[in-house]
Amino acid sequence: MDLQWFPGKADQLITWAQEISLYRIHEFDAQDPELSSFTPISPKKSTSLLCRLGELQYPKVVDAYPGNDADGMIAVGLGNGKIVLTSFGATIISKEFVPKHQRQVNSLCWNKFTPSLLAAGFEKARSDYAVAVWDVIASSKFVNGFHSDALRPVIELGNSETAHSVAWFQVNTLLVGMNSKHIKLFDLRDSQAKLERTASTKAVNGISIDGNHRVASFAENQIYVWDIRNFEKPFVVLNHSKQISKIGWCPTRSGLLASLEKDSAFVQLHDVHHAALSSEDGQEPAVLERRLSPSYSPSTIPFSYHSGVSLSSFAWHPTEENCITTVNMNGILWNSIVFERITLNWSPLSKLGWSNGKKIIRYIDNNDDAYSTLDDISVKMRQRALSGYGLQVHKYQRQNNKVNNITFSNGFTVSRR
């Protein structure tokens, strides 16, 4: 089973295996009779099934339309090479794109900059192209909401080649992993596509883009991370003990890459934010790695449903900060929050502050009840200094009795001697 959050809809989630399902996310409330019947996805949220598409059996790849002008539309790639555009709740299939030769669809990707452009990567077929780009919504004649000539690709690439994965890099540039040998960057501004750059690598699967420069891909048990400005070689290679099944950049935190191994019960997190700088200085790339295991709630998810069960896939939430959703082989969905490394600062005036996400700094001081548990002796020292403690010699004994702290008392007695 795989999953994806619907672009622009923070409360809708798509899953697919034998069939495609659409879920809505709700705030969990066990006291509400209606919400209590929903399936928990975290201690605070639950899911309800909105719609299911059963007529498209065994979809290979699915990608949700990122625009706002075709609500609920998805592109579905099937094993026979057909690409279907449909919507949840639609009674008929909206549009089908059929290649000249029947072969499997390996990858689908909508252009988030120009949402009407859909790119697809196919298995190899003699005298047919590996990559096709369609403009599914054009400005002239429409039939059922789609352009009548949309069946014909506007651009085709890689004759008699294989495209393992495709990803839009910018408005008119497309990255393609081809033939288990290369990742190619094509400029599509003209009708004749122009090859801009090529990287020789076996890591042609799962191409994923982070911001304007970073690109990640994988092959077998290795993940390669590239800087598109220096595309000759990756600036870091991440080795795993098992084969990789999926990778994905966090959309709300740059430089944070998640990866999932086959038959694994956890997601690995790689913080490569400083790796490029250290590699430029000739040092070993500095990559912070962590593991994330879903913390299922025992009161809502039976132990037998997740104990010893491997994860099937994951998806980052598009807007909720550092939120990642996993699904295991039993179809159990669960939300987890990736906590950032804390930047801690302690001021001379006994204010303890730390970062909480990208936009919030929290702090406590000596007036908070939580601070008293630290037993910070500097607070008492400051209070005594402000009250003039120790400045009047004839009041030693009386002040010593008022110290009310064995550490101060002993220290003061020694200094007086």
Protein backbone atom coordinates (compact mmCIF):
# COMPACT_ATOMS: atom_id res chain seq x y z
CA MET A 1 0.00 0.00 0.00
CA ASP A 2 1.13 3.53 -0.79
CA LEU A 3 -0.25 6.92 0.22
CA GLN A 4 -0.19 10.65 -0.58
CA TRP A 5 -1.63 13.77 1.00
CA PHE A 6 -3.89 15.68 -1.37
CA PRO A 7 -2.15 18.93 -2.48
CA GLY A 8 -3.93 21.99 -1.14
CA LYS A 9 -6.19 19.92 1.13
CA ALA A 10 -4.61 19.51 4.52
CA ASP A 11 -7.39 17.17 5.72
CA GLN A 12 -7.52 14.67 2.83
CA LEU A 13 -5.34 11.62 2.27
CA ILE A 14 -5.17 9.08 -0.59
CA THR A 15 -4.15 5.43 -0.23
CA TRP A 16 -3.91 2.78 -2.92
CA ALA A 17 -3.20 -0.93 -3.21
CA GLN A 18 -5.84 -3.05 -4.93
CA GLU A 19 -8.09 0.00 -5.05
CA ILE A 20 -7.83 3.74 -4.39
CA SER A 21 -9.35 5.29 -1.26
CA LEU A 22 -9.83 8.88 -0.11
CA TYR A 23 -9.89 9.67 3.62
CA ARG A 24 -10.74 12.81 5.58
CA ILE A 25 -8.89 13.72 8.76
CA HIS A 26 -10.85 14.89 11.84
CA GLU A 27 -9.94 16.09 15.30
CA PHE A 28 -10.36 13.03 17.52
CA ASP A 29 -13.02 13.25 20.22
CA ALA A 30 -13.95 10.06 22.06
CA GLN A 31 -16.95 11.82 23.63
CA ASP A 32 -18.53 12.60 20.25
CA PRO A 33 -20.64 9.57 19.17
CA GLU A 34 -20.00 10.25 15.49
CA LEU A 35 -16.24 10.89 15.74
CA SER A 36 -15.68 8.01 18.16
CA SER A 37 -16.55 5.56 15.38
CA PHE A 38 -13.76 6.88 13.13
CA THR A 39 -10.34 5.21 12.89
CA PRO A 40 -7.64 6.93 14.99
CA ILE A 41 -4.57 8.15 13.12
CA SER A 42 -2.91 9.76 16.17
CA PRO A 43 -3.90 10.48 19.78
CA LYS A 44 -5.58 13.70 18.57
CA LYS A 45 -6.86 12.85 15.07
CA SER A 46 -8.94 10.21 13.30
CA THR A 47 -9.89 9.28 9.74
CA SER A 48 -13.12 8.57 7.91
CA LEU A 49 -13.48 7.02 4.45
CA LEU A 50 -14.95 9.48 1.95
CA CYS A 51 -14.80 7.55 -1.30
CA ARG A 52 -13.32 4.46 -2.91
CA LEU A 53 -12.48 3.81 -6.57
CA GLY A 54 -12.86 0.12 -7.27
CA GLU A 55 -13.05 0.15 -11.06
CA LEU A 56 -9.31 0.82 -11.46
CA GLN A 57 -7.77 -2.44 -10.32
CA TYR A 58 -4.16 -2.64 -9.10
CA PRO A 59 -2.92 0.88 -9.84
CA LYS A 60 0.87 1.08 -10.10
CA VAL A 61 1.34 4.81 -9.49
CA VAL A 62 -1.02 7.62 -8.44
CA ASP A 63 -0.48 11.38 -8.32
CA ALA A 64 -3.04 13.96 -7.18
CA TYR A 65 -3.66 17.06 -9.29
CA PRO A 66 -2.04 20.12 -7.61
CA GLY A 67 -4.25 22.80 -9.20
CA ASN A 68 -7.44 24.38 -7.90
CA ASP A 69 -9.49 24.18 -11.11
CA ALA A 70 -10.24 20.43 -11.11
CA ASP A 71 -11.28 19.49 -7.60
CA GLY A 72 -10.35 15.97 -6.55
CA MET A 73 -8.71 14.93 -9.83
CA ILE A 74 -6.01 12.26 -9.79
CA ALA A 75 -3.82 10.61 -12.42
CA VAL A 76 -3.56 6.83 -12.19
CA GLY A 77 -0.93 4.73 -14.00
CA LEU A 78 -1.87 1.13 -14.66
CA GLY A 79 0.19 -1.97 -15.39
CA ASN A 80 -0.92 -2.06 -19.03
CA GLY A 81 0.45 1.43 -19.75
CA LYS A 82 -2.83 3.32 -19.57
CA ILE A 83 -2.95 6.59 -17.65
CA VAL A 84 -6.39 7.48 -16.38
CA LEU A 85 -7.57 10.89 -15.23
CA THR A 86 -10.51 10.60 -12.88
CA SER A 87 -12.03 12.13 -9.77
CA PHE A 88 -13.43 10.70 -6.57
CA GLY A 89 -17.15 10.34 -6.88
CA ALA A 90 -17.03 10.41 -10.70
CA THR A 91 -19.31 7.86 -12.32
CA ILE A 92 -17.25 7.67 -15.52
CA ILE A 93 -13.57 7.79 -16.35
CA SER A 94 -12.74 11.33 -17.41
CA LYS A 95 -9.87 10.66 -19.79
CA GLU A 96 -7.46 7.89 -20.78
CA PHE A 97 -3.97 8.24 -22.26
CA VAL A 98 -2.89 5.09 -24.03
CA PRO A 99 0.71 4.55 -25.27
CA LYS A 100 1.43 3.05 -28.67
CA HIS A 101 2.82 -0.12 -27.09
CA GLN A 102 1.48 -1.75 -23.97
CA ARG A 103 4.00 -1.49 -21.10
CA GLN A 104 4.06 -0.58 -17.45
CA VAL A 105 3.87 2.99 -16.15
CA ASN A 106 6.81 3.51 -13.79
CA SER A 107 6.28 7.10 -12.68
CA LEU A 108 3.77 9.96 -12.79
CA CYS A 109 4.33 13.58 -11.83
CA TRP A 110 2.17 16.69 -12.13
CA ASN A 111 3.93 20.01 -12.65
CA LYS A 112 3.11 22.06 -9.53
CA PHE A 113 4.24 25.24 -11.33
CA THR A 114 2.03 24.60 -14.38
CA PRO A 115 -0.57 22.15 -13.07
CA SER A 116 -1.97 21.21 -16.47
CA LEU A 117 1.29 19.43 -17.42
CA LEU A 118 1.53 15.73 -16.56
CA ALA A 119 4.75 13.75 -17.11
CA ALA A 120 4.92 9.95 -17.24
CA GLY A 121 7.80 7.48 -17.40
CA PHE A 122 7.41 4.07 -19.04
CA GLU A 123 9.22 0.78 -19.44
CA LYS A 124 11.22 0.28 -22.64
CA ALA A 125 9.43 -0.42 -25.91
CA ARG A 126 10.95 -0.57 -29.37
CA SER A 127 10.16 2.50 -31.49
CA ASP A 128 8.28 4.18 -28.64
CA TYR A 129 9.25 6.91 -26.20
CA ALA A 130 10.10 6.44 -22.53
CA VAL A 131 8.73 9.82 -21.38
CA ALA A 132 5.53 11.59 -22.40
CA VAL A 133 4.25 14.99 -21.30
CA TRP A 134 0.60 15.94 -21.75
CA ASP A 135 -1.18 19.25 -21.38
CA VAL A 136 -4.46 17.94 -20.01
CA ILE A 137 -6.19 21.32 -19.77
CA ALA A 138 -5.65 23.55 -22.81
CA SER A 139 -7.14 26.89 -23.76
CA SER A 140 -9.05 25.98 -26.92
CA LYS A 141 -11.71 23.36 -27.64
CA PHE A 142 -12.90 21.35 -24.62
CA VAL A 143 -14.67 18.01 -24.38
CA ASN A 144 -16.00 17.03 -20.94
CA GLY A 145 -13.71 19.58 -19.33
CA PHE A 146 -10.59 18.41 -21.19
CA HIS A 147 -9.00 19.47 -24.44
CA SER A 148 -9.97 17.26 -27.38
CA ASP A 149 -6.33 16.90 -28.46
CA ALA A 150 -5.09 16.01 -24.98
CA LEU A 151 -4.61 12.40 -26.05
CA ARG A 152 -1.51 13.43 -27.98
CA PRO A 153 1.57 14.25 -25.85
CA VAL A 154 3.03 17.71 -26.33
CA ILE A 155 6.56 16.37 -25.71
CA GLU A 156 8.11 12.89 -25.99
CA LEU A 157 11.61 11.89 -24.85
CA GLY A 158 13.90 8.86 -24.94
CA ASN A 159 13.05 6.74 -27.97
CA SER A 160 13.51 3.01 -27.18
CA GLU A 161 14.67 3.79 -23.65
CA THR A 162 13.41 3.18 -20.10
CA ALA A 163 12.31 5.92 -17.71
CA HIS A 164 12.42 4.73 -14.10
CA SER A 165 11.29 7.99 -12.47
CA VAL A 166 10.36 11.54 -13.44
CA ALA A 167 10.19 14.77 -11.41
CA TRP A 168 9.59 18.41 -12.34
CA PHE A 169 12.53 20.48 -11.17
CA GLN A 170 11.31 23.94 -12.16
CA VAL A 171 8.61 25.40 -14.37
CA ASN A 172 9.98 24.02 -17.65
CA THR A 173 12.67 21.56 -16.59
CA LEU A 174 12.20 17.84 -16.05
CA LEU A 175 14.50 15.33 -14.33
CA VAL A 176 14.38 11.77 -15.65
CA GLY A 177 16.13 8.64 -14.36
CA MET A 178 16.85 6.55 -17.46
CA ASN A 179 18.18 3.10 -18.37
CA SER A 180 19.64 2.45 -14.89
CA LYS A 181 22.60 4.60 -16.01
CA HIS A 182 21.74 8.30 -16.06
CA ILE A 183 19.72 11.10 -14.54
CA LYS A 184 19.02 13.65 -17.25
CA LEU A 185 17.80 17.24 -16.91
CA PHE A 186 15.70 18.39 -19.88
CA ASP A 187 14.74 21.96 -20.76
CA LEU A 188 11.18 21.87 -22.16
CA ARG A 189 10.68 25.54 -22.96
CA ASP A 190 10.69 24.81 -26.70
CA SER A 191 8.78 22.14 -28.58
CA GLN A 192 12.13 20.39 -29.11
CA ALA A 193 13.38 19.39 -25.67
CA LYS A 194 16.99 20.26 -24.90
CA LEU A 195 19.25 18.08 -22.75
CA GLU A 196 20.92 20.43 -20.26
CA ARG A 197 22.83 18.16 -17.88
CA THR A 198 23.50 14.49 -17.28
CA ALA A 199 24.71 12.59 -14.23
CA SER A 200 26.05 9.08 -14.70
CA THR A 201 24.64 6.95 -11.90
CA LYS A 202 22.75 3.76 -11.18
CA ALA A 203 20.55 5.64 -8.68
CA VAL A 204 17.70 6.42 -11.05
CA ASN A 205 14.72 5.54 -8.83
CA GLY A 206 12.48 7.79 -6.76
CA ILE A 207 13.84 11.17 -7.87
CA SER A 208 12.81 13.74 -5.25
CA ILE A 209 13.37 17.52 -5.23
CA ASP A 210 14.17 19.69 -2.20
CA GLY A 211 13.95 23.43 -2.85
CA ASN A 212 15.92 24.87 -5.74
CA HIS A 213 19.10 22.81 -5.64
CA ARG A 214 18.94 19.45 -3.85
CA VAL A 215 17.97 16.24 -5.61
CA ALA A 216 17.82 12.75 -4.09
CA SER A 217 17.52 9.36 -5.81
CA PHE A 218 18.21 5.76 -4.87
CA ALA A 219 19.32 2.38 -6.18
CA GLU A 220 19.25 -0.86 -4.20
CA ASN A 221 20.60 0.02 -0.72
CA GLN A 222 22.12 3.43 -1.49
CA ILE A 223 20.70 6.96 -1.58
CA TYR A 224 22.48 9.64 -3.60
CA VAL A 225 22.02 13.33 -2.80
CA TRP A 226 22.97 15.84 -5.49
CA ASP A 227 23.37 19.58 -5.85
CA ILE A 228 21.96 20.43 -9.26
CA ARG A 229 24.55 23.20 -9.66
CA ASN A 230 27.31 20.59 -9.50
CA PHE A 231 25.67 17.58 -11.12
CA GLU A 232 28.83 15.62 -11.86
CA LYS A 233 28.77 13.66 -8.62
CA PRO A 234 26.62 13.47 -5.46
CA PHE A 235 27.83 15.41 -2.45
CA VAL A 236 26.72 12.62 -0.11
CA VAL A 237 25.94 8.90 -0.43
CA LEU A 238 23.82 7.26 2.27
CA ASN A 239 24.34 3.51 2.70
CA HIS A 240 21.65 1.23 4.09
CA SER A 241 21.65 -2.40 5.18
CA LYS A 242 18.56 -3.27 3.10
CA GLN A 243 17.09 -2.24 -0.21
CA ILE A 244 15.36 1.15 -0.31
CA SER A 245 11.66 1.22 -1.19
CA LYS A 246 10.90 4.97 -0.93
CA ILE A 247 12.47 8.35 -0.19
CA GLY A 248 10.97 11.82 0.27
CA TRP A 249 12.01 15.31 1.35
CA CYS A 250 10.16 17.09 4.14
CA PRO A 251 8.20 19.99 2.52
CA THR A 252 8.26 22.14 5.65
CA ARG A 253 11.91 21.66 6.64
CA SER A 254 14.72 21.93 4.09
CA GLY A 255 17.45 19.30 4.13
CA LEU A 256 15.44 16.63 5.97
CA LEU A 257 15.17 13.42 3.92
CA ALA A 258 13.12 10.37 4.94
CA SER A 259 13.77 6.89 3.62
CA LEU A 260 12.14 3.49 4.09
CA GLU A 261 13.86 0.14 3.72
CA LYS A 262 12.02 -2.96 2.60
CA ASP A 263 10.64 -5.08 5.47
CA SER A 264 11.45 -2.34 7.97
CA ALA A 265 9.33 -1.19 10.93
CA PHE A 266 10.84 2.31 11.05
CA VAL A 267 11.58 5.31 8.83
CA GLN A 268 15.12 6.65 8.72
CA LEU A 269 15.65 10.42 8.77
CA HIS A 270 18.73 12.06 7.27
CA ASP A 271 19.52 15.71 7.98
CA VAL A 272 21.83 16.70 5.11
CA HIS A 273 21.54 20.45 5.68
CA HIS A 274 25.25 20.88 6.49
CA ALA A 275 26.58 18.00 4.41
CA ALA A 276 27.18 20.13 1.29
CA LEU A 277 29.24 22.69 3.22
CA SER A 278 31.45 20.07 4.87
CA SER A 279 32.06 18.28 1.56
CA GLU A 280 33.17 21.56 -0.05
CA ASP A 281 35.76 21.96 2.71
CA GLY A 282 37.16 18.50 2.00
CA GLN A 283 35.69 17.03 5.18
CA GLU A 284 33.52 13.97 5.59
CA PRO A 285 29.90 14.99 4.88
CA ALA A 286 28.12 15.68 8.17
CA VAL A 287 24.77 13.88 8.11
CA LEU A 288 22.65 13.50 11.23
CA GLU A 289 20.65 10.26 11.13
CA ARG A 290 17.70 9.24 13.27
CA ARG A 291 15.05 6.53 13.30
CA LEU A 292 11.31 7.12 13.55
CA SER A 293 9.06 4.29 14.73
CA PRO A 294 5.31 4.99 14.90
CA SER A 295 4.15 5.20 18.53
CA TYR A 296 0.75 3.58 18.15
CA SER A 297 -1.76 4.30 20.89
CA PRO A 298 -2.47 1.00 22.72
CA SER A 299 -5.97 2.21 23.63
CA THR A 300 -7.00 2.70 19.98
CA ILE A 301 -4.83 0.37 17.85
CA PRO A 302 -4.76 -3.33 18.89
CA PHE A 303 -1.25 -4.58 19.60
CA SER A 304 -1.58 -7.46 17.12
CA TYR A 305 -2.25 -4.97 14.28
CA HIS A 306 1.21 -3.41 14.47
CA SER A 307 3.51 -5.61 16.55
CA GLY A 308 6.27 -6.91 14.30
CA VAL A 309 4.50 -5.56 11.18
CA SER A 310 6.69 -3.80 8.61
CA LEU A 311 5.87 -0.39 7.19
CA SER A 312 4.61 -0.26 3.63
CA SER A 313 5.08 3.45 2.85
CA PHE A 314 5.08 7.00 4.22
CA ALA A 315 4.13 10.54 3.16
CA TRP A 316 5.03 13.95 4.56
CA HIS A 317 2.16 16.30 5.33
CA PRO A 318 2.38 19.24 2.87
CA THR A 319 1.76 22.02 5.41
CA GLU A 320 1.80 20.68 8.98
CA GLU A 321 5.31 21.18 10.29
CA ASN A 322 7.43 18.00 10.44
CA CYS A 323 4.38 15.71 10.30
CA ILE A 324 4.85 12.33 8.60
CA THR A 325 2.18 9.68 7.99
CA THR A 326 3.08 5.99 7.78
CA VAL A 327 1.08 2.94 6.74
CA ASN A 328 2.01 -0.63 7.61
CA MET A 329 1.35 -3.90 5.80
CA ASN A 330 -1.97 -4.26 7.65
CA GLY A 331 -3.13 -0.90 6.33
CA ILE A 332 -2.82 0.91 9.69
CA LEU A 333 -2.26 4.66 9.19
CA TRP A 334 -0.45 6.69 11.84
CA ASN A 335 0.72 10.31 12.17
CA SER A 336 4.06 11.09 13.80
CA ILE A 337 5.81 14.38 14.55
CA VAL A 338 9.55 14.66 13.92
CA PHE A 339 10.97 16.81 16.68
CA GLU A 340 13.76 19.18 15.79
CA ARG A 341 17.09 19.28 17.56
CA ILE A 342 16.78 21.78 20.39
CA THR A 343 18.90 24.93 20.45
CA LEU A 344 19.27 25.69 24.17
CA ASN A 345 20.32 28.97 25.78
CA TRP A 346 20.57 29.92 29.45
CA SER A 347 20.79 33.62 30.22
CA PRO A 348 22.63 35.16 33.23
CA LEU A 349 19.23 36.26 34.57
CA SER A 350 18.04 32.65 34.88
CA LYS A 351 15.94 32.51 31.73
CA LEU A 352 16.11 29.09 30.04
CA GLY A 353 15.08 29.25 26.36
CA TRP A 354 14.86 26.72 23.56
CA SER A 355 13.61 26.53 19.98
CA ASN A 356 10.27 24.89 19.26
CA GLY A 357 9.90 24.46 15.51
CA LYS A 358 10.83 27.13 13.01
CA LYS A 359 8.81 30.05 14.37
CA ILE A 360 8.51 29.65 18.14
CA ILE A 361 10.99 30.08 20.99
CA ARG A 362 9.84 28.89 24.41
CA TYR A 363 11.38 29.88 27.72
CA ILE A 364 10.94 29.59 31.47
CA ASP A 365 12.49 31.64 34.27
CA ASN A 366 12.85 31.41 38.02
CA ASN A 367 9.22 32.48 38.50
CA ASP A 368 7.94 29.27 36.87
CA ASP A 369 7.17 26.24 39.02
CA ALA A 370 9.04 24.01 36.56
CA TYR A 371 12.22 26.02 37.07
CA SER A 372 12.28 25.26 40.80
CA THR A 373 12.98 21.60 40.02
CA LEU A 374 16.39 22.63 38.63
CA ASP A 375 17.47 23.80 42.09
CA ASP A 376 19.53 26.56 40.47
CA ILE A 377 21.79 27.94 43.20
CA SER A 378 22.56 31.05 41.10
CA VAL A 379 18.99 32.26 41.68
CA LYS A 380 19.54 32.28 45.44
CA MET A 381 22.94 33.89 44.99
CA ARG A 382 21.39 36.68 42.94
CA GLN A 383 18.59 37.21 45.44
CA ARG A 384 21.11 37.46 48.31
CA ALA A 385 23.31 39.87 46.33
CA LEU A 386 20.35 42.14 45.57
CA SER A 387 19.40 42.21 49.23
CA GLY A 388 22.96 43.23 50.23
CA TYR A 389 23.83 39.95 51.80
CA GLY A 390 27.38 39.82 53.27
CA LEU A 391 28.10 43.53 52.96
CA GLN A 392 27.58 44.36 56.64
CA VAL A 393 30.06 42.44 58.81
CA HIS A 394 28.28 43.03 62.14
CA LYS A 395 25.25 41.18 60.75
CA TYR A 396 27.13 37.97 59.85
CA GLN A 397 25.49 35.81 62.42
CA ARG A 398 21.99 37.15 61.88
CA GLN A 399 22.37 36.83 58.07
CA ASN A 400 23.80 33.35 58.44
CA ASN A 401 20.67 32.31 60.27
CA LYS A 402 18.55 33.78 57.47
CA VAL A 403 20.42 31.93 54.71
CA ASN A 404 18.23 28.87 55.03
CA ASN A 405 20.59 26.95 52.75
CA ILE A 406 23.37 24.65 53.95
CA THR A 407 25.56 25.42 50.91
CA PHE A 408 25.43 29.15 51.53
CA SER A 409 25.91 28.68 55.24
CA ASN A 410 29.03 26.58 54.85
CA GLY A 411 30.49 28.84 52.19
CA PHE A 412 29.86 31.97 54.20
CA THR A 413 31.40 30.47 57.35
CA VAL A 414 34.59 29.48 55.47
CA SER A 415 34.93 32.93 53.86
CA ARG A 416 34.51 34.65 57.25
CA ARG A 417 37.35 32.62 58.72
